[in-house]
PDB file of N, CA and C in Angstrom:
ATOM      1  N   UNK A   1       0.786  21.893  -9.348  1.00  0.00           N
ATOM      2  CA  UNK A   1       0.610  21.467  -7.859  1.00  0.00           C
ATOM      3  C   UNK A   1      -0.954  21.649  -7.443  1.00  0.00           C
ATOM      4  N   UNK A   2      -1.007  20.427  -6.910  1.00  0.00           N
ATOM      5  CA  UNK A   2      -2.577  20.311  -6.085  1.00  0.00           C
ATOM      6  C   UNK A   2      -2.483  21.134  -5.042  1.00  0.00           C
ATOM      7  N   UNK A   3      -3.450  22.070  -4.504  1.00  0.00           N
ATOM      8  CA  UNK A   3      -3.660  22.765  -3.575  1.00  0.00           C
ATOM      9  C   UNK A   3      -4.848  22.546  -2.814  1.00  0.00           C
ATOM     10  N   UNK A   4      -4.783  22.579  -1.429  1.00  0.00           N
ATOM     11  CA  UNK A   4      -5.977  22.102  -0.368  1.00  0.00           C
ATOM     12  C   UNK A   4      -6.246  23.482  -0.027  1.00  0.00           C
ATOM     13  N   UNK A   5      -7.796  23.954  -0.042  1.00  0.00           N
ATOM     14  CA  UNK A   5      -8.385  25.043   0.436  1.00  0.00           C
ATOM     15  C   UNK A   5      -9.311  24.701   1.480  1.00  0.00           C
ATOM     16  N   UNK A   6      -9.274  24.875   2.715  1.00  0.00           N
ATOM     17  CA  UNK A   6     -10.400  24.626   3.711  1.00  0.00           C
ATOM     18  C   UNK A   6     -11.000  25.792   4.397  1.00  0.00           C
ATOM     19  N   UNK A   7     -11.812  25.527   5.293  1.00  0.00           N
ATOM     20  CA  UNK A   7     -12.429  26.538   5.817  1.00  0.00           C
ATOM     21  C   UNK A   7     -13.274  27.514   5.146  1.00  0.00           C
ATOM     22  N   UNK A   8     -13.694  27.201   4.003  1.00  0.00           N
ATOM     23  CA  UNK A   8     -14.241  27.922   2.773  1.00  0.00           C
ATOM     24  C   UNK A   8     -15.517  28.360   3.408  1.00  0.00           C
ATOM     25  N   UNK A   9     -16.020  29.692   2.932  1.00  0.00           N
ATOM     26  CA  UNK A   9     -17.541  29.959   3.469  1.00  0.00           C
ATOM     27  C   UNK A   9     -18.450  28.969   2.540  1.00  0.00           C
ATOM     28  N   UNK A  10     -19.454  28.512   2.790  1.00  0.00           N
ATOM     29  CA  UNK A  10     -20.270  27.364   2.115  1.00  0.00           C
ATOM     30  C   UNK A  10     -20.906  27.836   1.018  1.00  0.00           C
ATOM     31  N   UNK A  11     -21.051  29.453   0.937  1.00  0.00           N
ATOM     32  CA  UNK A  11     -21.545  29.817  -0.243  1.00  0.00           C
ATOM     33  C   UNK A  11     -20.614  30.153  -1.274  1.00  0.00           C
ATOM     34  N   UNK A  12     -19.265  29.893  -1.351  1.00  0.00           N
ATOM     35  CA  UNK A  12     -18.276  30.290  -2.121  1.00  0.00           C
ATOM     36  C   UNK A  12     -18.441  29.526  -3.275  1.00  0.00           C
ATOM     37  N   UNK A  13     -18.364  30.099  -4.545  1.00  0.00           N
ATOM     38  CA  UNK A  13     -18.491  29.196  -5.789  1.00  0.00           C
ATOM     39  C   UNK A  13     -17.191  29.038  -6.277  1.00  0.00           C
ATOM     40  N   UNK A  14     -16.906  27.822  -7.237  1.00  0.00           N
ATOM     41  CA  UNK A  14     -16.007  27.609  -7.841  1.00  0.00           C
ATOM     42  C   UNK A  14     -15.350  28.757  -8.691  1.00  0.00           C
ATOM     43  N   UNK A  15     -16.341  29.694  -9.315  1.00  0.00           N
ATOM     44  CA  UNK A  15     -15.537  30.796  -9.909  1.00  0.00           C
ATOM     45  C   UNK A  15     -14.968  31.916  -9.176  1.00  0.00           C
ATOM     46  N   UNK A  16     -15.562  32.052  -7.835  1.00  0.00           N
ATOM     47  CA  UNK A  16     -14.928  32.924  -6.921  1.00  0.00           C
ATOM     48  C   UNK A  16     -13.360  32.314  -6.356  1.00  0.00           C
ATOM     49  N   UNK A  17     -13.633  31.063  -6.115  1.00  0.00           N
ATOM     50  CA  UNK A  17     -12.249  30.326  -5.598  1.00  0.00           C
ATOM     51  C   UNK A  17     -11.098  30.606  -6.830  1.00  0.00           C
ATOM     52  N   UNK A  18     -11.569  30.413  -8.060  1.00  0.00           N
ATOM     53  CA  UNK A  18     -10.704  30.418  -9.262  1.00  0.00           C
ATOM     54  C   UNK A  18     -10.012  31.797  -9.408  1.00  0.00           C
ATOM     55  N   UNK A  19     -11.012  32.859  -9.142  1.00  0.00           N
ATOM     56  CA  UNK A  19     -10.583  34.081  -9.290  1.00  0.00           C
ATOM     57  C   UNK A  19      -9.379  34.734  -8.062  1.00  0.00           C
ATOM     58  N   UNK A  20      -9.679  34.237  -6.984  1.00  0.00           N
ATOM     59  CA  UNK A  20      -8.664  34.364  -5.908  1.00  0.00           C
ATOM     60  C   UNK A  20      -7.374  33.831  -6.029  1.00  0.00           C
ATOM     61  N   UNK A  21      -7.342  32.581  -6.826  1.00  0.00           N
ATOM     62  CA  UNK A  21      -5.985  31.881  -7.096  1.00  0.00           C
ATOM     63  C   UNK A  21      -5.573  32.556  -8.678  1.00  0.00           C
ATOM     64  N   UNK A  22      -6.301  33.041  -9.300  1.00  0.00           N
ATOM     65  CA  UNK A  22      -5.578  33.533 -10.363  1.00  0.00           C
ATOM     66  C   UNK A  22      -5.112  34.651 -10.346  1.00  0.00           C
ATOM     67  N   UNK A  23      -5.256  35.592  -9.384  1.00  0.00           N
ATOM     68  CA  UNK A  23      -4.564  36.680  -9.004  1.00  0.00           C
ATOM     69  C   UNK A  23      -3.151  36.330  -8.705  1.00  0.00           C
ATOM     70  N   UNK A  24      -2.733  35.171  -8.633  1.00  0.00           N
ATOM     71  CA  UNK A  24      -1.263  34.564  -8.414  1.00  0.00           C
ATOM     72  C   UNK A  24      -0.594  33.842  -9.695  1.00  0.00           C
ATOM     73  N   UNK A  25      -1.533  33.509 -10.587  1.00  0.00           N
ATOM     74  CA  UNK A  25      -1.001  32.787 -11.919  1.00  0.00           C
ATOM     75  C   UNK A  25      -1.981  32.038 -12.584  1.00  0.00           C
ATOM     76  N   UNK A  26      -1.610  31.099 -13.444  1.00  0.00           N
ATOM     77  CA  UNK A  26      -2.508  30.217 -14.119  1.00  0.00           C
ATOM     78  C   UNK A  26      -3.284  29.102 -13.241  1.00  0.00           C
ATOM     79  N   UNK A  27      -4.299  28.965 -13.340  1.00  0.00           N
ATOM     80  CA  UNK A  27      -5.278  27.775 -12.773  1.00  0.00           C
ATOM     81  C   UNK A  27      -5.773  27.087 -13.569  1.00  0.00           C
ATOM     82  N   UNK A  28      -5.334  25.674 -13.508  1.00  0.00           N
ATOM     83  CA  UNK A  28      -5.911  24.728 -14.605  1.00  0.00           C
ATOM     84  C   UNK A  28      -7.183  24.042 -14.166  1.00  0.00           C
ATOM     85  N   UNK A  29      -7.625  24.002 -12.750  1.00  0.00           N
ATOM     86  CA  UNK A  29      -8.864  23.400 -12.558  1.00  0.00           C
ATOM     87  C   UNK A  29      -9.101  23.823 -10.972  1.00  0.00           C
ATOM     88  N   UNK A  30     -10.357  23.849 -10.618  1.00  0.00           N
ATOM     89  CA  UNK A  30     -10.887  24.044  -9.281  1.00  0.00           C
ATOM     90  C   UNK A  30     -12.234  22.978  -9.232  1.00  0.00           C
ATOM     91  N   UNK A  31     -11.825  22.278  -7.835  1.00  0.00           N
ATOM     92  CA  UNK A  31     -12.877  21.429  -7.561  1.00  0.00           C
ATOM     93  C   UNK A  31     -13.474  21.631  -5.941  1.00  0.00           C
ATOM     94  N   UNK A  32     -14.651  22.107  -5.663  1.00  0.00           N
ATOM     95  CA  UNK A  32     -15.281  21.978  -4.613  1.00  0.00           C
ATOM     96  C   UNK A  32     -15.901  20.968  -4.144  1.00  0.00           C
ATOM     97  N   UNK A  33     -15.773  20.485  -3.034  1.00  0.00           N
ATOM     98  CA  UNK A  33     -16.198  18.963  -2.489  1.00  0.00           C
ATOM     99  C   UNK A  33     -17.487  19.344  -1.963  1.00  0.00           C
ATOM    100  N   UNK A  34     -18.424  18.460  -2.299  1.00  0.00           N
ATOM    101  CA  UNK A  34     -19.782  18.529  -2.007  1.00  0.00           C
ATOM    102  C   UNK A  34     -20.126  17.059  -1.335  1.00  0.00           C
ATOM    103  N   UNK A  35     -21.362  17.067  -0.656  1.00  0.00           N
ATOM    104  CA  UNK A  35     -21.949  16.227   0.157  1.00  0.00           C
ATOM    105  C   UNK A  35     -22.709  15.384  -0.953  1.00  0.00           C
ATOM    106  N   UNK A  36     -22.483  14.262  -1.076  1.00  0.00           N
ATOM    107  CA  UNK A  36     -23.161  13.085  -2.097  1.00  0.00           C
ATOM    108  C   UNK A  36     -24.782  13.314  -2.015  1.00  0.00           C
ATOM    109  N   UNK A  37     -25.356  13.207  -0.976  1.00  0.00           N
ATOM    110  CA  UNK A  37     -26.785  13.161  -0.709  1.00  0.00           C
ATOM    111  C   UNK A  37     -27.292  14.720  -1.042  1.00  0.00           C
ATOM    112  N   UNK A  38     -26.842  15.471  -0.617  1.00  0.00           N
ATOM    113  CA  UNK A  38     -27.608  16.973  -0.458  1.00  0.00           C
ATOM    114  C   UNK A  38     -26.928  17.878  -1.762  1.00  0.00           C
ATOM    115  N   UNK A  39     -25.753  17.450  -2.003  1.00  0.00           N
ATOM    116  CA  UNK A  39     -25.298  18.501  -3.330  1.00  0.00           C
ATOM    117  C   UNK A  39     -24.642  19.731  -2.426  1.00  0.00           C
ATOM    118  N   UNK A  40     -24.724  19.763  -1.204  1.00  0.00           N
ATOM    119  CA  UNK A  40     -24.321  20.934  -0.623  1.00  0.00           C
ATOM    120  C   UNK A  40     -22.730  20.973  -0.665  1.00  0.00           C
ATOM    121  N   UNK A  41     -22.149  22.310  -0.521  1.00  0.00           N
ATOM    122  CA  UNK A  41     -20.446  22.319  -0.252  1.00  0.00           C
ATOM    123  C   UNK A  41     -20.319  21.831   1.038  1.00  0.00           C
ATOM    124  N   UNK A  42     -18.990  21.266   1.296  1.00  0.00           N
ATOM    125  CA  UNK A  42     -18.468  20.731   2.505  1.00  0.00           C
ATOM    126  C   UNK A  42     -17.600  21.781   3.211  1.00  0.00           C
ATOM    127  N   UNK A  43     -17.315  22.800   2.329  1.00  0.00           N
ATOM    128  CA  UNK A  43     -16.506  23.853   3.094  1.00  0.00           C
ATOM    129  C   UNK A  43     -15.025  23.551   2.486  1.00  0.00           C
ATOM    130  N   UNK A  44     -14.534  22.626   1.651  1.00  0.00           N
ATOM    131  CA  UNK A  44     -13.349  22.570   1.267  1.00  0.00           C
ATOM    132  C   UNK A  44     -13.348  22.468  -0.222  1.00  0.00           C
ATOM    133  N   UNK A  45     -11.757  22.347  -0.886  1.00  0.00           N
ATOM    134  CA  UNK A  45     -11.958  22.111  -2.171  1.00  0.00           C
ATOM    135  C   UNK A  45     -10.413  22.152  -2.606  1.00  0.00           C
ATOM    136  N   UNK A  46      -9.949  22.144  -3.723  1.00  0.00           N
ATOM    137  CA  UNK A  46      -8.789  21.510  -4.331  1.00  0.00           C
ATOM    138  C   UNK A  46      -8.635  22.503  -5.782  1.00  0.00           C
ATOM    139  N   UNK A  47      -7.365  23.209  -5.730  1.00  0.00           N
ATOM    140  CA  UNK A  47      -7.234  24.043  -6.792  1.00  0.00           C
ATOM    141  C   UNK A  47      -6.028  23.292  -7.520  1.00  0.00           C
ATOM    142  N   UNK A  48      -5.804  23.437  -8.867  1.00  0.00           N
ATOM    143  CA  UNK A  48      -4.600  22.708  -9.332  1.00  0.00           C
ATOM    144  C   UNK A  48      -3.934  24.049 -10.085  1.00  0.00           C
ATOM    145  N   UNK A  49      -2.521  24.203  -9.903  1.00  0.00           N
ATOM    146  CA  UNK A  49      -1.945  25.221 -10.721  1.00  0.00           C
ATOM    147  C   UNK A  49      -0.667  24.680 -11.170  1.00  0.00           C
ATOM    148  N   UNK A  50      -0.248  24.747 -12.491  1.00  0.00           N
ATOM    149  CA  UNK A  50       0.830  24.049 -13.016  1.00  0.00           C
ATOM    150  C   UNK A  50       2.233  24.550 -12.668  1.00  0.00           C
ATOM    151  N   UNK A  51       2.302  25.617 -12.130  1.00  0.00           N
ATOM    152  CA  UNK A  51       3.453  26.475 -11.961  1.00  0.00           C
ATOM    153  C   UNK A  51       3.836  26.310 -10.457  1.00  0.00           C
ATOM    154  N   UNK A  52       4.826  25.902  -9.971  1.00  0.00           N
ATOM    155  CA  UNK A  52       5.029  25.701  -8.567  1.00  0.00           C
ATOM    156  C   UNK A  52       5.114  27.019  -7.983  1.00  0.00           C
ATOM    157  N   UNK A  53       5.827  27.624  -8.549  1.00  0.00           N
ATOM    158  CA  UNK A  53       6.409  29.049  -7.966  1.00  0.00           C
ATOM    159  C   UNK A  53       4.988  29.975  -7.738  1.00  0.00           C
ATOM    160  N   UNK A  54       4.179  30.092  -8.737  1.00  0.00           N
ATOM    161  CA  UNK A  54       2.890  30.696  -8.744  1.00  0.00           C
ATOM    162  C   UNK A  54       2.083  29.984  -7.609  1.00  0.00           C
ATOM    163  N   UNK A  55       2.122  28.457  -7.486  1.00  0.00           N
ATOM    164  CA  UNK A  55       1.317  27.906  -6.662  1.00  0.00           C
ATOM    165  C   UNK A  55       1.716  28.211  -5.155  1.00  0.00           C
ATOM    166  N   UNK A  56       2.940  28.325  -4.934  1.00  0.00           N
ATOM    167  CA  UNK A  56       3.626  28.594  -3.523  1.00  0.00           C
ATOM    168  C   UNK A  56       3.505  30.095  -3.164  1.00  0.00           C
ATOM    169  N   UNK A  57       3.245  31.008  -4.296  1.00  0.00           N
ATOM    170  CA  UNK A  57       3.013  32.567  -3.778  1.00  0.00           C
ATOM    171  C   UNK A  57       1.279  32.464  -3.392  1.00  0.00           C
ATOM    172  N   UNK A  58       0.444  31.753  -4.035  1.00  0.00           N
ATOM    173  CA  UNK A  58      -0.842  31.632  -4.020  1.00  0.00           C
ATOM    174  C   UNK A  58      -1.151  31.024  -2.445  1.00  0.00           C
ATOM    175  N   UNK A  59      -0.288  30.176  -1.922  1.00  0.00           N
ATOM    176  CA  UNK A  59      -0.603  29.338  -0.753  1.00  0.00           C
ATOM    177  C   UNK A  59      -0.139  30.538   0.317  1.00  0.00           C
ATOM    178  N   UNK A  60       0.981  31.082   0.111  1.00  0.00           N
ATOM    179  CA  UNK A  60       1.660  32.174   1.153  1.00  0.00           C
ATOM    180  C   UNK A  60       0.302  33.265   1.061  1.00  0.00           C
ATOM    181  N   UNK A  61      -0.064  33.792  -0.110  1.00  0.00           N
ATOM    182  CA  UNK A  61      -0.997  34.730   0.084  1.00  0.00           C
ATOM    183  C   UNK A  61      -2.088  34.627   0.466  1.00  0.00           C
ATOM    184  N   UNK A  62      -2.885  33.406   0.217  1.00  0.00           N
ATOM    185  CA  UNK A  62      -4.217  33.373   0.721  1.00  0.00           C
ATOM    186  C   UNK A  62      -4.466  32.558   2.104  1.00  0.00           C
ATOM    187  N   UNK A  63      -3.382  31.812   2.470  1.00  0.00           N
ATOM    188  CA  UNK A  63      -3.596  31.376   3.478  1.00  0.00           C
ATOM    189  C   UNK A  63      -3.758  32.221   4.790  1.00  0.00           C
ATOM    190  N   UNK A  64      -4.719  32.014   5.610  1.00  0.00           N
ATOM    191  CA  UNK A  64      -5.465  33.151   6.550  1.00  0.00           C
ATOM    192  C   UNK A  64      -5.984  34.196   6.174  1.00  0.00           C
ATOM    193  N   UNK A  65      -6.149  34.531   4.737  1.00  0.00           N
ATOM    194  CA  UNK A  65      -6.910  35.450   4.124  1.00  0.00           C
ATOM    195  C   UNK A  65      -8.504  34.970   4.383  1.00  0.00           C
ATOM    196  N   UNK A  66      -9.237  36.244   4.765  1.00  0.00           N
ATOM    197  CA  UNK A  66     -10.548  36.344   5.216  1.00  0.00           C
ATOM    198  C   UNK A  66     -11.423  36.213   3.901  1.00  0.00           C
ATOM    199  N   UNK A  67     -12.265  35.320   3.677  1.00  0.00           N
ATOM    200  CA  UNK A  67     -13.080  35.196   2.734  1.00  0.00           C
ATOM    201  C   UNK A  67     -14.599  35.182   3.214  1.00  0.00           C
ATOM    202  N   UNK A  68     -15.681  35.746   3.214  1.00  0.00           N
ATOM    203  CA  UNK A  68     -17.095  35.606   3.726  1.00  0.00           C
ATOM    204  C   UNK A  68     -17.124  35.413   5.188  1.00  0.00           C
ATOM    205  N   UNK A  69     -16.244  36.346   5.826  1.00  0.00           N
ATOM    206  CA  UNK A  69     -16.056  36.030   7.417  1.00  0.00           C
ATOM    207  C   UNK A  69     -15.344  34.849   7.921  1.00  0.00           C
ATOM    208  N   UNK A  70     -14.686  34.176   7.014  1.00  0.00           N
ATOM    209  CA  UNK A  70     -13.666  33.066   7.214  1.00  0.00           C
ATOM    210  C   UNK A  70     -12.419  33.051   6.834  1.00  0.00           C
ATOM    211  N   UNK A  71     -11.463  32.513   7.756  1.00  0.00           N
ATOM    212  CA  UNK A  71      -9.915  32.678   7.344  1.00  0.00           C
ATOM    213  C   UNK A  71      -9.600  31.302   6.674  1.00  0.00           C
ATOM    214  N   UNK A  72      -9.258  31.252   5.653  1.00  0.00           N
ATOM    215  CA  UNK A  72      -8.948  30.154   4.545  1.00  0.00           C
ATOM    216  C   UNK A  72      -7.772  29.453   5.099  1.00  0.00           C
ATOM    217  N   UNK A  73      -7.688  28.184   4.960  1.00  0.00           N
ATOM    218  CA  UNK A  73      -6.726  27.487   5.237  1.00  0.00           C
ATOM    219  C   UNK A  73      -6.106  26.986   3.757  1.00  0.00           C
ATOM    220  N   UNK A  74      -4.905  27.129   3.549  1.00  0.00           N
ATOM    221  CA  UNK A  74      -4.422  26.810   2.138  1.00  0.00           C
ATOM    222  C   UNK A  74      -3.245  26.328   2.410  1.00  0.00           C
ATOM    223  N   UNK A  75      -3.092  25.013   1.620  1.00  0.00           N
ATOM    224  CA  UNK A  75      -1.500  24.308   1.851  1.00  0.00           C
ATOM    225  C   UNK A  75      -1.484  23.384   0.764  1.00  0.00           C
ATOM    226  N   UNK A  76      -0.322  22.890   0.522  1.00  0.00           N
ATOM    227  CA  UNK A  76      -0.065  21.824  -0.563  1.00  0.00           C
ATOM    228  C   UNK A  76      -0.830  20.753  -0.280  1.00  0.00           C
ATOM    229  N   UNK A  77      -1.699  20.037  -1.331  1.00  0.00           N
ATOM    230  CA  UNK A  77      -2.265  18.812  -1.234  1.00  0.00           C
ATOM    231  C   UNK A  77      -1.836  17.617  -0.759  1.00  0.00           C
ATOM    232  N   UNK A  78      -2.147  16.960   0.046  1.00  0.00           N
ATOM    233  CA  UNK A  78      -1.293  15.681   0.382  1.00  0.00           C
ATOM    234  C   UNK A  78      -2.055  14.531  -0.201  1.00  0.00           C
ATOM    235  N   UNK A  79      -1.474  13.541  -0.842  1.00  0.00           N
ATOM    236  CA  UNK A  79      -1.858  12.427  -1.556  1.00  0.00           C
ATOM    237  C   UNK A  79      -2.907  11.808  -0.576  1.00  0.00           C
ATOM    238  N   UNK A  80      -4.188  11.378  -1.121  1.00  0.00           N
ATOM    239  CA  UNK A  80      -5.345  10.556  -0.220  1.00  0.00           C
ATOM    240  C   UNK A  80      -4.569   9.205   0.109  1.00  0.00           C
ATOM    241  N   UNK A  81      -4.886   8.842   1.374  1.00  0.00           N
ATOM    242  CA  UNK A  81      -4.450   7.519   1.874  1.00  0.00           C
ATOM    243  C   UNK A  81      -5.673   6.627   1.425  1.00  0.00           C
ATOM    244  N   UNK A  82      -5.181   5.667   0.774  1.00  0.00           N
ATOM    245  CA  UNK A  82      -5.894   4.554   0.372  1.00  0.00           C
ATOM    246  C   UNK A  82      -6.020   3.551   1.474  1.00  0.00           C
ATOM    247  N   UNK A  83      -7.430   3.453   2.149  1.00  0.00           N
ATOM    248  CA  UNK A  83      -7.744   2.069   2.913  1.00  0.00           C
ATOM    249  C   UNK A  83      -8.244   1.010   2.284  1.00  0.00           C
ATOM    250  N   UNK A  84      -8.158  -0.262   2.773  1.00  0.00           N
ATOM    251  CA  UNK A  84      -9.054  -1.352   2.285  1.00  0.00           C
ATOM    252  C   UNK A  84     -10.481  -0.832   2.824  1.00  0.00           C
ATOM    253  N   UNK A  85     -11.226  -1.490   2.225  1.00  0.00           N
ATOM    254  CA  UNK A  85     -12.589  -1.408   2.408  1.00  0.00           C
ATOM    255  C   UNK A  85     -13.360  -1.643   3.861  1.00  0.00           C
ATOM    256  N   UNK A  86     -12.770  -2.622   4.247  1.00  0.00           N
ATOM    257  CA  UNK A  86     -13.017  -3.248   5.523  1.00  0.00           C
ATOM    258  C   UNK A  86     -12.559  -2.872   6.684  1.00  0.00           C
ATOM    259  N   UNK A  87     -11.697  -1.900   6.704  1.00  0.00           N
ATOM    260  CA  UNK A  87     -10.969  -1.307   7.591  1.00  0.00           C
ATOM    261  C   UNK A  87     -11.310   0.276   8.174  1.00  0.00           C
ATOM    262  N   UNK A  88     -12.664   0.660   7.536  1.00  0.00           N
ATOM    263  CA  UNK A  88     -12.887   1.843   8.019  1.00  0.00           C
ATOM    264  C   UNK A  88     -13.620   1.733   9.409  1.00  0.00           C
ATOM    265  N   UNK A  89     -13.534   2.811  10.173  1.00  0.00           N
ATOM    266  CA  UNK A  89     -13.953   2.826  11.511  1.00  0.00           C
ATOM    267  C   UNK A  89     -14.673   4.154  11.754  1.00  0.00           C
ATOM    268  N   UNK A  90     -15.572   4.113  12.635  1.00  0.00           N
ATOM    269  CA  UNK A  90     -16.073   5.204  13.259  1.00  0.00           C
ATOM    270  C   UNK A  90     -17.900   4.894  13.104  1.00  0.00           C
ATOM    271  N   UNK A  91     -18.285   6.079  13.257  1.00  0.00           N
ATOM    272  CA  UNK A  91     -19.891   5.928  13.143  1.00  0.00           C
ATOM    273  C   UNK A  91     -20.466   5.146  14.585  1.00  0.00           C
ATOM    274  N   UNK A  92     -21.438   4.436  14.320  1.00  0.00           N
ATOM    275  CA  UNK A  92     -22.221   3.635  15.181  1.00  0.00           C
ATOM    276  C   UNK A  92     -21.363   2.403  15.505  1.00  0.00           C
ATOM    277  N   UNK A  93     -21.553   1.782  16.496  1.00  0.00           N
ATOM    278  CA  UNK A  93     -20.670   0.598  16.854  1.00  0.00           C
ATOM    279  C   UNK A  93     -19.207   0.593  16.848  1.00  0.00           C
ATOM    280  N   UNK A  94     -18.482   0.336  15.819  1.00  0.00           N
ATOM    281  CA  UNK A  94     -17.283   0.486  15.882  1.00  0.00           C
ATOM    282  C   UNK A  94     -16.417  -0.603  16.457  1.00  0.00           C
ATOM    283  N   UNK A  95     -17.150  -1.909  16.268  1.00  0.00           N
ATOM    284  CA  UNK A  95     -16.316  -3.014  17.013  1.00  0.00           C
ATOM    285  C   UNK A  95     -15.131  -3.458  15.997  1.00  0.00           C
ATOM    286  N   UNK A  96     -14.448  -4.521  16.543  1.00  0.00           N
ATOM    287  CA  UNK A  96     -13.325  -5.002  15.539  1.00  0.00           C
ATOM    288  C   UNK A  96     -13.546  -5.229  14.190  1.00  0.00           C
ATOM    289  N   UNK A  97     -14.884  -5.532  13.735  1.00  0.00           N
ATOM    290  CA  UNK A  97     -15.126  -5.955  12.662  1.00  0.00           C
ATOM    291  C   UNK A  97     -16.540  -4.996  12.021  1.00  0.00           C
ATOM    292  N   UNK A  98     -16.631  -4.016  12.630  1.00  0.00           N
ATOM    293  CA  UNK A  98     -17.499  -3.073  12.336  1.00  0.00           C
ATOM    294  C   UNK A  98     -19.028  -3.355  12.805  1.00  0.00           C
ATOM    295  N   UNK A  99     -19.253  -4.344  13.338  1.00  0.00           N
ATOM    296  CA  UNK A  99     -20.683  -4.802  14.044  1.00  0.00           C
ATOM    297  C   UNK A  99     -21.192  -4.031  14.869  1.00  0.00           C
ATOM    298  N   UNK A 100     -22.484  -3.953  14.893  1.00  0.00           N
ATOM    299  CA  UNK A 100     -23.067  -2.843  15.643  1.00  0.00           C
ATOM    300  C   UNK A 100     -23.305  -3.585  17.008  1.00  0.00           C
ATOM    301  N   UNK A 101     -23.227  -2.870  18.011  1.00  0.00           N
ATOM    302  CA  UNK A 101     -23.465  -3.463  19.398  1.00  0.00           C
ATOM    303  C   UNK A 101     -24.582  -2.915  20.186  1.00  0.00           C
ATOM    304  N   UNK A 102     -25.445  -2.253  19.573  1.00  0.00           N
ATOM    305  CA  UNK A 102     -26.549  -1.870  20.135  1.00  0.00           C
ATOM    306  C   UNK A 102     -26.375  -0.412  20.972  1.00  0.00           C
ATOM    307  N   UNK A 103     -26.903   0.541  20.351  1.00  0.00           N
ATOM    308  CA  UNK A 103     -26.636   1.842  20.976  1.00  0.00           C
ATOM    309  C   UNK A 103     -25.117   2.457  20.577  1.00  0.00           C
ATOM    310  N   UNK A 104     -24.505   3.098  21.495  1.00  0.00           N
ATOM    311  CA  UNK A 104     -23.251   3.730  21.132  1.00  0.00           C
ATOM    312  C   UNK A 104     -21.906   3.110  21.788  1.00  0.00           C
ATOM    313  N   UNK A 105     -22.023   1.673  21.632  1.00  0.00           N
ATOM    314  CA  UNK A 105     -20.555   1.179  21.829  1.00  0.00           C
ATOM    315  C   UNK A 105     -20.530   0.438  23.010  1.00  0.00           C
ATOM    316  N   UNK A 106     -21.847   0.434  24.090  1.00  0.00           N
ATOM    317  CA  UNK A 106     -21.764  -0.174  25.310  1.00  0.00           C
ATOM    318  C   UNK A 106     -22.041  -1.721  25.301  1.00  0.00           C
ATOM    319  N   UNK A 107     -22.521  -1.981  26.452  1.00  0.00           N
ATOM    320  CA  UNK A 107     -22.757  -3.384  26.459  1.00  0.00           C
ATOM    321  C   UNK A 107     -24.080  -3.976  25.517  1.00  0.00           C
ATOM    322  N   UNK A 108     -24.209  -5.156  25.233  1.00  0.00           N
ATOM    323  CA  UNK A 108     -25.284  -5.502  24.675  1.00  0.00           C
ATOM    324  C   UNK A 108     -26.675  -5.034  25.378  1.00  0.00           C
ATOM    325  N   UNK A 109     -27.731  -5.121  24.226  1.00  0.00           N
ATOM    326  CA  UNK A 109     -29.023  -4.385  24.762  1.00  0.00           C
ATOM    327  C   UNK A 109     -29.419  -4.917  26.105  1.00  0.00           C
ATOM    328  N   UNK A 110     -29.720  -5.998  26.422  1.00  0.00           N
ATOM    329  CA  UNK A 110     -30.326  -6.477  27.513  1.00  0.00           C
ATOM    330  C   UNK A 110     -29.547  -6.457  28.854  1.00  0.00           C
ATOM    331  N   UNK A 111     -28.213  -6.067  28.690  1.00  0.00           N
ATOM    332  CA  UNK A 111     -27.168  -6.047  29.673  1.00  0.00           C
ATOM    333  C   UNK A 111     -26.979  -4.726  30.367  1.00  0.00           C
ATOM    334  N   UNK A 112     -27.782  -3.470  29.833  1.00  0.00           N
ATOM    335  CA  UNK A 112     -27.282  -2.135  30.126  1.00  0.00           C
ATOM    336  C   UNK A 112     -28.724  -1.641  31.207  1.00  0.00           C
ATOM    337  N   UNK A 113     -28.270  -0.979  32.300  1.00  0.00           N
ATOM    338  CA  UNK A 113     -28.929  -0.549  33.228  1.00  0.00           C
ATOM    339  C   UNK A 113     -29.953   0.447  32.472  1.00  0.00           C
ATOM    340  N   UNK A 114     -31.300   0.341  32.762  1.00  0.00           N
ATOM    341  CA  UNK A 114     -32.166   1.299  32.112  1.00  0.00           C
ATOM    342  C   UNK A 114     -32.526   1.468  30.737  1.00  0.00           C
ATOM    343  N   UNK A 115     -31.791   0.333  29.970  1.00  0.00           N
ATOM    344  CA  UNK A 115     -32.242   0.270  28.621  1.00  0.00           C
ATOM    345  C   UNK A 115     -33.516  -0.147  28.345  1.00  0.00           C
ATOM    346  N   UNK A 116     -33.978  -0.200  27.059  1.00  0.00           N
ATOM    347  CA  UNK A 116     -35.565  -0.833  26.723  1.00  0.00           C
ATOM    348  C   UNK A 116     -35.526  -2.119  26.835  1.00  0.00           C
ATOM    349  N   UNK A 117     -36.592  -2.580  27.611  1.00  0.00           N
ATOM    350  CA  UNK A 117     -36.451  -4.198  27.644  1.00  0.00           C
ATOM    351  C   UNK A 117     -35.532  -4.754  28.605  1.00  0.00           C
ATOM    352  N   UNK A 118     -34.799  -4.283  29.384  1.00  0.00           N
ATOM    353  CA  UNK A 118     -34.307  -4.851  30.454  1.00  0.00           C
ATOM    354  C   UNK A 118     -34.808  -4.288  31.842  1.00  0.00           C
ATOM    355  N   UNK A 119     -34.722  -5.279  32.797  1.00  0.00           N
ATOM    356  CA  UNK A 119     -35.462  -4.894  34.161  1.00  0.00           C
ATOM    357  C   UNK A 119     -34.653  -3.815  34.753  1.00  0.00           C
ATOM    358  N   UNK A 120     -35.500  -2.780  35.376  1.00  0.00           N
ATOM    359  CA  UNK A 120     -34.568  -1.706  36.092  1.00  0.00           C
ATOM    360  C   UNK A 120     -34.571  -1.801  37.434  1.00  0.00           C
ATOM    361  N   UNK A 121     -33.415  -1.489  37.877  1.00  0.00           N
ATOM    362  CA  UNK A 121     -32.871  -1.756  39.293  1.00  0.00           C
ATOM    363  C   UNK A 121     -33.298  -0.566  40.012  1.00  0.00           C
ATOM    364  N   UNK A 122     -34.146  -0.708  40.923  1.00  0.00           N
ATOM    365  CA  UNK A 122     -34.770   0.515  41.479  1.00  0.00           C
ATOM    366  C   UNK A 122     -33.783   1.155  42.421  1.00  0.00           C
ATOM    367  N   UNK A 123     -32.689   0.213  42.913  1.00  0.00           N
ATOM    368  CA  UNK A 123     -31.701   0.883  44.012  1.00  0.00           C
ATOM    369  C   UNK A 123     -30.568   1.576  43.110  1.00  0.00           C
ATOM    370  N   UNK A 124     -30.581   1.417  41.946  1.00  0.00           N
ATOM    371  CA  UNK A 124     -29.395   2.001  40.987  1.00  0.00           C
ATOM    372  C   UNK A 124     -29.423   3.221  41.159  1.00  0.00           C
TER     373      UNK A 124
END
């Protein structure tokens, strides 16, 4: 069973996570998710346990437990939702086709009050 572990302390190592789950049974793999650019931990990871009974005991026993001053969030991992590459949203812009509109999603640059390059209305 694949288990999601969230709200982990950023300093927690894969060995420490494996040791916590090994108290409940056999652990086949541990993967901490890291930032691609910096290599720093993102505070969550995944643990694989082959026996469902042991995995459920680990989920029950470790969910909400304190590790490094943080309460772990532990549950069965859900399958990742696959999204077509062109349909990601968020970040700057966020228009219907992902185009940037200048700034944080407001009017085009010349039409905003007080934007650089636009005449400022003194009565505004």
